[in-house]
Amino acid sequence: MNFDEIFYKVGEAAEKSVKWLEKCLKEIAKPKPSKNPPKFKILKKLIKRELTVHELLSLNLQLSFILYLVLSLLVVLFGNELYLTLTFVVYFLYLRYTILKNREFFIEVEPYRFFYYGLTTIGFLSFLGYLLVRRFAKNVYYFYAYLVLIFIVVLAFRHIYKSKFTRDWTYGVVEEVKGELVKIDVHDDIRANVKPGKYWVESAEEVEVGDIVKVLVEERIFRSSIPRRVLEVHKAKPSSSETSTQPKAESEESSSK
């Protein structure tokens, strides 16, 4: 192989690399919704119970956010604003890509996007502000004032989120009926602050195994809410396809009002 052929191969490889990089940047900047659900092979191996795609996405967001906070805290210990900013940018791009790429597989995507975008931004500004206060503070009272400011910002964000998205009900699928008590299976529901699982609730309605029910939840301070009582039967004897799509359609309609 002569030098002309070597240069040609190098140029061809460089051209392909540039096109691949350009394609990746376009995808990151404007992710196209995927038609196929994400695999989450590693996450599935770590979790023993069966989870829906929506629940896997929610769990992935929770774990990645915790990892981001830990990495940010480690960077703060070294007092480097540049690395802290780079950590935020990389994670925010990953968060945005994950949510927008898989938006069709969330039961409702907007509450998750608003919640995690907001918390990620508040977390970054909090760490960055701490570095600046630590650099210029003359006494400990500056830190006290800064902590009060962060507390107020978090409360304001919580109020905005609750007024925009929070509701006191969720959906569940009936798995067992015992008199006026029914056992329901509930998906992860960030709007109702309900964790996925199986709950026994009261029911004054006639329900059957397989029914989708709308359930009243009881809010608890600093803890997840608990489903308490069936409000109405949403759909009796649904098919498997209706079970996954019908609650989503009504939830999105109610959130848009």
C-alpha atoms as a PDB file:
ATOM      1  CA  MET A   1       0.000   0.000   0.000  1.00  0.00           C
ATOM      2  CA  ASN A   2       1.533   3.300  -1.115  1.00  0.00           C
ATOM      3  CA  PHE A   3       1.264   6.657   0.634  1.00  0.00           C
ATOM      4  CA  ASP A   4      -1.616   7.826  -1.584  1.00  0.00           C
ATOM      5  CA  GLU A   5      -3.710   4.831  -0.556  1.00  0.00           C
ATOM      6  CA  ILE A   6      -2.828   5.326   3.127  1.00  0.00           C
ATOM      7  CA  PHE A   7      -3.826   8.996   3.002  1.00  0.00           C
ATOM      8  CA  TYR A   8      -7.021   8.048   1.183  1.00  0.00           C
ATOM      9  CA  LYS A   9      -7.936   5.485   3.870  1.00  0.00           C
ATOM     10  CA  VAL A  10      -7.171   7.964   6.650  1.00  0.00           C
ATOM     11  CA  GLY A  11      -9.243  10.651   4.944  1.00  0.00           C
ATOM     12  CA  GLU A  12     -12.126   8.214   4.398  1.00  0.00           C
ATOM     13  CA  ALA A  13     -12.055   7.145   8.060  1.00  0.00           C
ATOM     14  CA  ALA A  14     -11.937  10.794   9.177  1.00  0.00           C
ATOM     15  CA  GLU A  15     -14.902  11.643   6.949  1.00  0.00           C
ATOM     16  CA  LYS A  16     -16.938   8.743   8.377  1.00  0.00           C
ATOM     17  CA  SER A  17     -16.001   9.803  11.910  1.00  0.00           C
ATOM     18  CA  VAL A  18     -17.111  13.379  11.274  1.00  0.00           C
ATOM     19  CA  LYS A  19     -20.440  12.187   9.831  1.00  0.00           C
ATOM     20  CA  TRP A  20     -20.963   9.841  12.796  1.00  0.00           C
ATOM     21  CA  LEU A  21     -20.163  12.624  15.262  1.00  0.00           C
ATOM     22  CA  GLU A  22     -22.485  15.020  13.422  1.00  0.00           C
ATOM     23  CA  LYS A  23     -25.267  12.423  13.549  1.00  0.00           C
ATOM     24  CA  CYS A  24     -24.727  11.897  17.285  1.00  0.00           C
ATOM     25  CA  LEU A  25     -24.780  15.629  18.007  1.00  0.00           C
ATOM     26  CA  LYS A  26     -28.005  16.051  16.022  1.00  0.00           C
ATOM     27  CA  GLU A  27     -29.590  13.167  17.928  1.00  0.00           C
ATOM     28  CA  ILE A  28     -28.538  14.635  21.270  1.00  0.00           C
ATOM     29  CA  ALA A  29     -29.730  18.105  20.304  1.00  0.00           C
ATOM     30  CA  LYS A  30     -33.078  16.871  18.982  1.00  0.00           C
ATOM     31  CA  PRO A  31     -33.825  13.280  20.025  1.00  0.00           C
ATOM     32  CA  LYS A  32     -36.396  11.470  17.919  1.00  0.00           C
ATOM     33  CA  PRO A  33     -38.948   9.486  19.960  1.00  0.00           C
ATOM     34  CA  SER A  34     -38.084   5.795  19.830  1.00  0.00           C
ATOM     35  CA  LYS A  35     -40.600   3.245  18.570  1.00  0.00           C
ATOM     36  CA  ASN A  36     -38.979   0.459  20.571  1.00  0.00           C
ATOM     37  CA  PRO A  37     -38.803   0.393  24.391  1.00  0.00           C
ATOM     38  CA  PRO A  38     -35.364   0.617  26.034  1.00  0.00           C
ATOM     39  CA  LYS A  39     -33.782  -2.678  27.122  1.00  0.00           C
ATOM     40  CA  PHE A  40     -32.253  -1.796  30.530  1.00  0.00           C
ATOM     41  CA  LYS A  41     -30.522  -5.199  30.618  1.00  0.00           C
ATOM     42  CA  ILE A  42     -28.291  -4.381  33.601  1.00  0.00           C
ATOM     43  CA  LEU A  43     -31.115  -2.786  35.580  1.00  0.00           C
ATOM     44  CA  LYS A  44     -33.372  -5.779  34.986  1.00  0.00           C
ATOM     45  CA  LYS A  45     -30.690  -8.102  36.347  1.00  0.00           C
ATOM     46  CA  LEU A  46     -30.390  -6.008  39.512  1.00  0.00           C
ATOM     47  CA  ILE A  47     -34.151  -5.843  40.125  1.00  0.00           C
ATOM     48  CA  LYS A  48     -35.801  -9.108  41.166  1.00  0.00           C
ATOM     49  CA  ARG A  49     -39.441  -8.183  40.536  1.00  0.00           C
ATOM     50  CA  GLU A  50     -41.034  -7.617  37.154  1.00  0.00           C
ATOM     51  CA  LEU A  51     -41.295  -3.933  36.224  1.00  0.00           C
ATOM     52  CA  THR A  52     -43.055  -2.211  33.355  1.00  0.00           C
ATOM     53  CA  VAL A  53     -41.113  -0.060  30.893  1.00  0.00           C
ATOM     54  CA  HIS A  54     -42.540   3.050  32.574  1.00  0.00           C
ATOM     55  CA  GLU A  55     -41.325   1.846  35.990  1.00  0.00           C
ATOM     56  CA  LEU A  56     -37.883   0.971  34.604  1.00  0.00           C
ATOM     57  CA  LEU A  57     -37.596   4.454  33.109  1.00  0.00           C
ATOM     58  CA  SER A  58     -38.643   6.036  36.402  1.00  0.00           C
ATOM     59  CA  LEU A  59     -36.148   3.912  38.351  1.00  0.00           C
ATOM     60  CA  ASN A  60     -33.410   4.755  35.871  1.00  0.00           C
ATOM     61  CA  LEU A  61     -34.098   8.483  36.354  1.00  0.00           C
ATOM     62  CA  GLN A  62     -33.972   8.107  40.134  1.00  0.00           C
ATOM     63  CA  LEU A  63     -30.693   6.178  40.142  1.00  0.00           C
ATOM     64  CA  SER A  64     -28.995   8.423  37.594  1.00  0.00           C
ATOM     65  CA  PHE A  65     -30.050  11.516  39.562  1.00  0.00           C
ATOM     66  CA  ILE A  66     -28.579  10.070  42.774  1.00  0.00           C
ATOM     67  CA  LEU A  67     -25.349   9.284  40.912  1.00  0.00           C
ATOM     68  CA  TYR A  68     -25.273  12.848  39.591  1.00  0.00           C
ATOM     69  CA  LEU A  69     -25.650  14.261  43.112  1.00  0.00           C
ATOM     70  CA  VAL A  70     -22.860  12.035  44.436  1.00  0.00           C
ATOM     71  CA  LEU A  71     -20.500  13.022  41.609  1.00  0.00           C
ATOM     72  CA  SER A  72     -21.353  16.696  42.083  1.00  0.00           C
ATOM     73  CA  LEU A  73     -20.657  16.428  45.809  1.00  0.00           C
ATOM     74  CA  LEU A  74     -17.270  14.849  45.123  1.00  0.00           C
ATOM     75  CA  VAL A  75     -16.442  17.646  42.683  1.00  0.00           C
ATOM     76  CA  VAL A  76     -17.501  20.252  45.262  1.00  0.00           C
ATOM     77  CA  LEU A  77     -15.036  18.772  47.762  1.00  0.00           C
ATOM     78  CA  PHE A  78     -12.259  19.680  45.330  1.00  0.00           C
ATOM     79  CA  GLY A  79     -13.756  23.148  44.854  1.00  0.00           C
ATOM     80  CA  ASN A  80     -13.711  23.191  41.053  1.00  0.00           C
ATOM     81  CA  GLU A  81     -16.491  25.187  39.364  1.00  0.00           C
ATOM     82  CA  LEU A  82     -15.460  24.084  35.865  1.00  0.00           C
ATOM     83  CA  TYR A  83     -15.721  20.352  36.590  1.00  0.00           C
ATOM     84  CA  LEU A  84     -19.004  20.946  38.408  1.00  0.00           C
ATOM     85  CA  THR A  85     -20.395  22.708  35.335  1.00  0.00           C
ATOM     86  CA  LEU A  86     -19.158  19.951  33.017  1.00  0.00           C
ATOM     87  CA  THR A  87     -20.787  17.326  35.256  1.00  0.00           C
ATOM     88  CA  PHE A  88     -24.070  19.222  35.124  1.00  0.00           C
ATOM     89  CA  VAL A  89     -23.966  19.673  31.333  1.00  0.00           C
ATOM     90  CA  VAL A  90     -23.169  16.007  30.663  1.00  0.00           C
ATOM     91  CA  TYR A  91     -25.862  14.758  33.043  1.00  0.00           C
ATOM     92  CA  PHE A  92     -28.490  17.222  31.839  1.00  0.00           C
ATOM     93  CA  LEU A  93     -27.903  16.186  28.234  1.00  0.00           C
ATOM     94  CA  TYR A  94     -28.228  12.534  29.256  1.00  0.00           C
ATOM     95  CA  LEU A  95     -31.396  13.290  31.249  1.00  0.00           C
ATOM     96  CA  ARG A  96     -32.960  15.240  28.400  1.00  0.00           C
ATOM     97  CA  TYR A  97     -32.044  12.579  25.839  1.00  0.00           C
ATOM     98  CA  THR A  98     -33.427   9.748  28.010  1.00  0.00           C
ATOM     99  CA  ILE A  99     -36.755  11.478  28.618  1.00  0.00           C
ATOM    100  CA  LEU A 100     -37.338  12.743  25.072  1.00  0.00           C
ATOM    101  CA  LYS A 101     -36.107   9.568  23.379  1.00  0.00           C
ATOM    102  CA  ASN A 102     -38.443   7.406  25.460  1.00  0.00           C
ATOM    103  CA  ARG A 103     -41.315   9.828  25.953  1.00  0.00           C
ATOM    104  CA  GLU A 104     -43.832   7.432  24.385  1.00  0.00           C
ATOM    105  CA  PHE A 105     -43.144   4.837  27.078  1.00  0.00           C
ATOM    106  CA  PHE A 106     -43.942   7.062  30.064  1.00  0.00           C
ATOM    107  CA  ILE A 107     -47.539   6.958  31.268  1.00  0.00           C
ATOM    108  CA  GLU A 108     -47.181  10.745  31.519  1.00  0.00           C
ATOM    109  CA  VAL A 109     -43.910  12.371  30.501  1.00  0.00           C
ATOM    110  CA  GLU A 110     -44.395  16.042  31.461  1.00  0.00           C
ATOM    111  CA  PRO A 111     -44.391  15.603  35.274  1.00  0.00           C
ATOM    112  CA  TYR A 112     -41.147  13.627  35.092  1.00  0.00           C
ATOM    113  CA  ARG A 113     -39.515  16.123  32.778  1.00  0.00           C
ATOM    114  CA  PHE A 114     -40.524  19.116  34.916  1.00  0.00           C
ATOM    115  CA  PHE A 115     -39.526  17.382  38.164  1.00  0.00           C
ATOM    116  CA  TYR A 116     -36.079  16.160  37.110  1.00  0.00           C
ATOM    117  CA  TYR A 117     -35.165  19.221  35.039  1.00  0.00           C
ATOM    118  CA  GLY A 118     -36.056  21.389  38.022  1.00  0.00           C
ATOM    119  CA  LEU A 119     -34.240  19.315  40.643  1.00  0.00           C
ATOM    120  CA  THR A 120     -31.146  18.951  38.470  1.00  0.00           C
ATOM    121  CA  THR A 121     -30.938  22.704  37.884  1.00  0.00           C
ATOM    122  CA  ILE A 122     -31.541  23.510  41.563  1.00  0.00           C
ATOM    123  CA  GLY A 123     -28.904  20.964  42.566  1.00  0.00           C
ATOM    124  CA  PHE A 124     -26.319  22.474  40.208  1.00  0.00           C
ATOM    125  CA  LEU A 125     -27.012  26.058  41.270  1.00  0.00           C
ATOM    126  CA  SER A 126     -26.910  25.015  44.932  1.00  0.00           C
ATOM    127  CA  PHE A 127     -23.482  23.387  44.599  1.00  0.00           C
ATOM    128  CA  LEU A 128     -22.145  26.222  42.466  1.00  0.00           C
ATOM    129  CA  GLY A 129     -23.484  28.818  44.908  1.00  0.00           C
ATOM    130  CA  TYR A 130     -21.863  26.972  47.791  1.00  0.00           C
ATOM    131  CA  LEU A 131     -18.468  27.112  46.061  1.00  0.00           C
ATOM    132  CA  LEU A 132     -18.851  30.838  45.510  1.00  0.00           C
ATOM    133  CA  VAL A 133     -20.017  31.489  49.081  1.00  0.00           C
ATOM    134  CA  ARG A 134     -17.144  29.397  50.433  1.00  0.00           C
ATOM    135  CA  ARG A 135     -14.708  31.453  48.410  1.00  0.00           C
ATOM    136  CA  PHE A 136     -16.000  34.906  49.381  1.00  0.00           C
ATOM    137  CA  ALA A 137     -17.788  34.414  52.715  1.00  0.00           C
ATOM    138  CA  LYS A 138     -16.325  36.414  55.586  1.00  0.00           C
ATOM    139  CA  ASN A 139     -18.058  34.513  58.387  1.00  0.00           C
ATOM    140  CA  VAL A 140     -20.384  31.576  59.050  1.00  0.00           C
ATOM    141  CA  TYR A 141     -23.532  33.720  58.793  1.00  0.00           C
ATOM    142  CA  TYR A 142     -23.107  33.838  55.019  1.00  0.00           C
ATOM    143  CA  PHE A 143     -23.539  30.058  54.952  1.00  0.00           C
ATOM    144  CA  TYR A 144     -26.624  30.245  57.168  1.00  0.00           C
ATOM    145  CA  ALA A 145     -28.190  32.836  54.865  1.00  0.00           C
ATOM    146  CA  TYR A 146     -27.330  30.714  51.838  1.00  0.00           C
ATOM    147  CA  LEU A 147     -28.942  27.604  53.353  1.00  0.00           C
ATOM    148  CA  VAL A 148     -32.109  29.605  54.058  1.00  0.00           C
ATOM    149  CA  LEU A 149     -32.130  30.808  50.450  1.00  0.00           C
ATOM    150  CA  ILE A 150     -31.798  27.235  49.116  1.00  0.00           C
ATOM    151  CA  PHE A 151     -34.589  26.087  51.439  1.00  0.00           C
ATOM    152  CA  ILE A 152     -36.877  28.826  50.101  1.00  0.00           C
ATOM    153  CA  VAL A 153     -36.061  27.898  46.478  1.00  0.00           C
ATOM    154  CA  VAL A 154     -36.821  24.213  47.135  1.00  0.00           C
ATOM    155  CA  LEU A 155     -40.131  25.091  48.804  1.00  0.00           C
ATOM    156  CA  ALA A 156     -41.047  27.364  45.887  1.00  0.00           C
ATOM    157  CA  PHE A 157     -40.259  24.606  43.386  1.00  0.00           C
ATOM    158  CA  ARG A 158     -42.288  22.120  45.429  1.00  0.00           C
ATOM    159  CA  HIS A 159     -45.253  24.517  45.486  1.00  0.00           C
ATOM    160  CA  ILE A 160     -45.079  25.118  41.723  1.00  0.00           C
ATOM    161  CA  TYR A 161     -44.817  21.390  41.016  1.00  0.00           C
ATOM    162  CA  LYS A 162     -47.707  20.487  43.331  1.00  0.00           C
ATOM    163  CA  SER A 163     -49.973  23.209  41.922  1.00  0.00           C
ATOM    164  CA  LYS A 164     -49.169  22.170  38.345  1.00  0.00           C
ATOM    165  CA  PHE A 165     -49.118  18.373  38.501  1.00  0.00           C
ATOM    166  CA  THR A 166     -50.056  16.829  41.849  1.00  0.00           C
ATOM    167  CA  ARG A 167     -53.358  14.971  42.177  1.00  0.00           C
ATOM    168  CA  ASP A 168     -54.935  12.871  44.933  1.00  0.00           C
ATOM    169  CA  TRP A 169     -55.758   9.796  42.850  1.00  0.00           C
ATOM    170  CA  THR A 170     -54.060   7.173  40.741  1.00  0.00           C
ATOM    171  CA  TYR A 171     -54.903   4.093  38.705  1.00  0.00           C
ATOM    172  CA  GLY A 172     -54.612   0.444  39.671  1.00  0.00           C
ATOM    173  CA  VAL A 173     -55.473  -2.963  38.255  1.00  0.00           C
ATOM    174  CA  VAL A 174     -57.589  -5.255  40.440  1.00  0.00           C
ATOM    175  CA  GLU A 175     -55.813  -8.530  41.265  1.00  0.00           C
ATOM    176  CA  GLU A 176     -57.957  -9.941  44.074  1.00  0.00           C
ATOM    177  CA  VAL A 177     -61.362  -9.232  45.629  1.00  0.00           C
ATOM    178  CA  LYS A 178     -62.315 -10.010  49.246  1.00  0.00           C
ATOM    179  CA  GLY A 179     -65.668  -8.501  50.153  1.00  0.00           C
ATOM    180  CA  GLU A 180     -65.256  -4.724  50.364  1.00  0.00           C
ATOM    181  CA  LEU A 181     -61.476  -4.992  50.096  1.00  0.00           C
ATOM    182  CA  VAL A 182     -59.619  -5.319  46.793  1.00  0.00           C
ATOM    183  CA  LYS A 183     -55.970  -5.897  46.047  1.00  0.00           C
ATOM    184  CA  ILE A 184     -54.665  -3.622  43.316  1.00  0.00           C
ATOM    185  CA  ASP A 185     -51.423  -3.379  41.399  1.00  0.00           C
ATOM    186  CA  VAL A 186     -50.259   0.235  41.021  1.00  0.00           C
ATOM    187  CA  HIS A 187     -47.640   1.646  38.656  1.00  0.00           C
ATOM    188  CA  ASP A 188     -45.105   4.268  39.662  1.00  0.00           C
ATOM    189  CA  ASP A 189     -47.066   7.545  39.679  1.00  0.00           C
ATOM    190  CA  ILE A 190     -45.052  10.697  40.328  1.00  0.00           C
ATOM    191  CA  ARG A 191     -48.155  12.913  40.192  1.00  0.00           C
ATOM    192  CA  ALA A 192     -49.841  11.032  43.020  1.00  0.00           C
ATOM    193  CA  ASN A 193     -46.486  10.350  44.738  1.00  0.00           C
ATOM    194  CA  VAL A 194     -47.255   6.616  44.781  1.00  0.00           C
ATOM    195  CA  LYS A 195     -44.590   3.943  44.558  1.00  0.00           C
ATOM    196  CA  PRO A 196     -45.235   0.846  42.427  1.00  0.00           C
ATOM    197  CA  GLY A 197     -46.569  -2.138  44.303  1.00  0.00           C
ATOM    198  CA  LYS A 198     -49.637  -4.047  45.448  1.00  0.00           C
ATOM    199  CA  TYR A 199     -52.070  -2.447  47.909  1.00  0.00           C
ATOM    200  CA  TRP A 200     -55.275  -3.482  49.684  1.00  0.00           C
ATOM    201  CA  VAL A 201     -57.909  -0.742  49.392  1.00  0.00           C
ATOM    202  CA  GLU A 202     -61.560  -0.260  50.228  1.00  0.00           C
ATOM    203  CA  SER A 203     -64.160  -0.480  47.484  1.00  0.00           C
ATOM    204  CA  ALA A 204     -67.859   0.389  47.486  1.00  0.00           C
ATOM    205  CA  GLU A 205     -68.003  -0.398  43.769  1.00  0.00           C
ATOM    206  CA  GLU A 206     -68.595  -3.790  42.159  1.00  0.00           C
ATOM    207  CA  VAL A 207     -65.242  -4.766  40.719  1.00  0.00           C
ATOM    208  CA  GLU A 208     -63.776  -7.873  39.192  1.00  0.00           C
ATOM    209  CA  VAL A 209     -60.248  -9.173  38.781  1.00  0.00           C
ATOM    210  CA  GLY A 210     -58.643  -7.386  35.817  1.00  0.00           C
ATOM    211  CA  ASP A 211     -60.651  -4.162  36.168  1.00  0.00           C
ATOM    212  CA  ILE A 212     -58.845  -0.833  36.026  1.00  0.00           C
ATOM    213  CA  VAL A 213     -59.898   1.349  38.945  1.00  0.00           C
ATOM    214  CA  LYS A 214     -59.373   4.969  39.887  1.00  0.00           C
ATOM    215  CA  VAL A 215     -58.143   5.082  43.489  1.00  0.00           C
ATOM    216  CA  LEU A 216     -58.045   7.845  46.095  1.00  0.00           C
ATOM    217  CA  VAL A 217     -54.598   8.263  47.701  1.00  0.00           C
ATOM    218  CA  GLU A 218     -53.687   9.563  51.135  1.00  0.00           C
ATOM    219  CA  GLU A 219     -50.838  12.071  51.200  1.00  0.00           C
ATOM    220  CA  ARG A 220     -48.148  11.613  53.843  1.00  0.00           C
ATOM    221  CA  ILE A 221     -45.536  14.227  54.750  1.00  0.00           C
ATOM    222  CA  PHE A 222     -41.993  13.293  53.638  1.00  0.00           C
ATOM    223  CA  ARG A 223     -43.192   9.838  52.546  1.00  0.00           C
ATOM    224  CA  SER A 224     -44.907   8.336  49.530  1.00  0.00           C
ATOM    225  CA  SER A 225     -48.700   8.443  49.396  1.00  0.00           C
ATOM    226  CA  ILE A 226     -50.847   5.379  50.050  1.00  0.00           C
ATOM    227  CA  PRO A 227     -53.843   4.221  47.936  1.00  0.00           C
ATOM    228  CA  ARG A 228     -56.935   4.018  50.169  1.00  0.00           C
ATOM    229  CA  ARG A 229     -60.253   3.691  48.349  1.00  0.00           C
ATOM    230  CA  VAL A 230     -61.669   2.926  44.914  1.00  0.00           C
ATOM    231  CA  LEU A 231     -63.364   5.987  43.422  1.00  0.00           C
ATOM    232  CA  GLU A 232     -64.657   4.463  40.216  1.00  0.00           C
ATOM    233  CA  VAL A 233     -64.204   1.563  37.847  1.00  0.00           C
ATOM    234  CA  HIS A 234     -62.456   2.935  34.821  1.00  0.00           C
ATOM    235  CA  LYS A 235     -62.827  -0.049  32.500  1.00  0.00           C
ATOM    236  CA  ALA A 236     -64.292  -3.458  33.182  1.00  0.00           C
ATOM    237  CA  LYS A 237     -62.550  -6.528  31.812  1.00  0.00           C
ATOM    238  CA  PRO A 238     -60.002  -4.699  29.634  1.00  0.00           C
ATOM    239  CA  SER A 239     -57.825  -6.373  27.080  1.00  0.00           C
ATOM    240  CA  SER A 240     -54.059  -6.216  27.618  1.00  0.00           C
ATOM    241  CA  SER A 241     -53.664  -3.359  25.125  1.00  0.00           C
ATOM    242  CA  GLU A 242     -56.434  -1.295  26.688  1.00  0.00           C
ATOM    243  CA  THR A 243     -54.957  -1.779  30.146  1.00  0.00           C
ATOM    244  CA  SER A 244     -51.796   0.085  29.194  1.00  0.00           C
ATOM    245  CA  THR A 245     -53.242   2.826  27.034  1.00  0.00           C
ATOM    246  CA  GLN A 246     -56.581   3.879  28.458  1.00  0.00           C
ATOM    247  CA  PRO A 247     -55.378   5.310  31.819  1.00  0.00           C
ATOM    248  CA  LYS A 248     -52.584   7.168  30.037  1.00  0.00           C
ATOM    249  CA  ALA A 249     -55.011   8.871  27.689  1.00  0.00           C
ATOM    250  CA  GLU A 250     -57.258  10.083  30.502  1.00  0.00           C
ATOM    251  CA  SER A 251     -54.326  11.173  32.656  1.00  0.00           C
ATOM    252  CA  GLU A 252     -52.814  13.228  29.852  1.00  0.00           C
ATOM    253  CA  GLU A 253     -56.220  14.773  29.139  1.00  0.00           C
ATOM    254  CA  SER A 254     -56.646  15.783  32.781  1.00  0.00           C
ATOM    255  CA  SER A 255     -53.133  17.254  32.977  1.00  0.00           C
ATOM    256  CA  SER A 256     -53.716  19.390  29.889  1.00  0.00           C
ATOM    257  CA  LYS A 257     -56.778  21.098  31.351  1.00  0.00           C
END
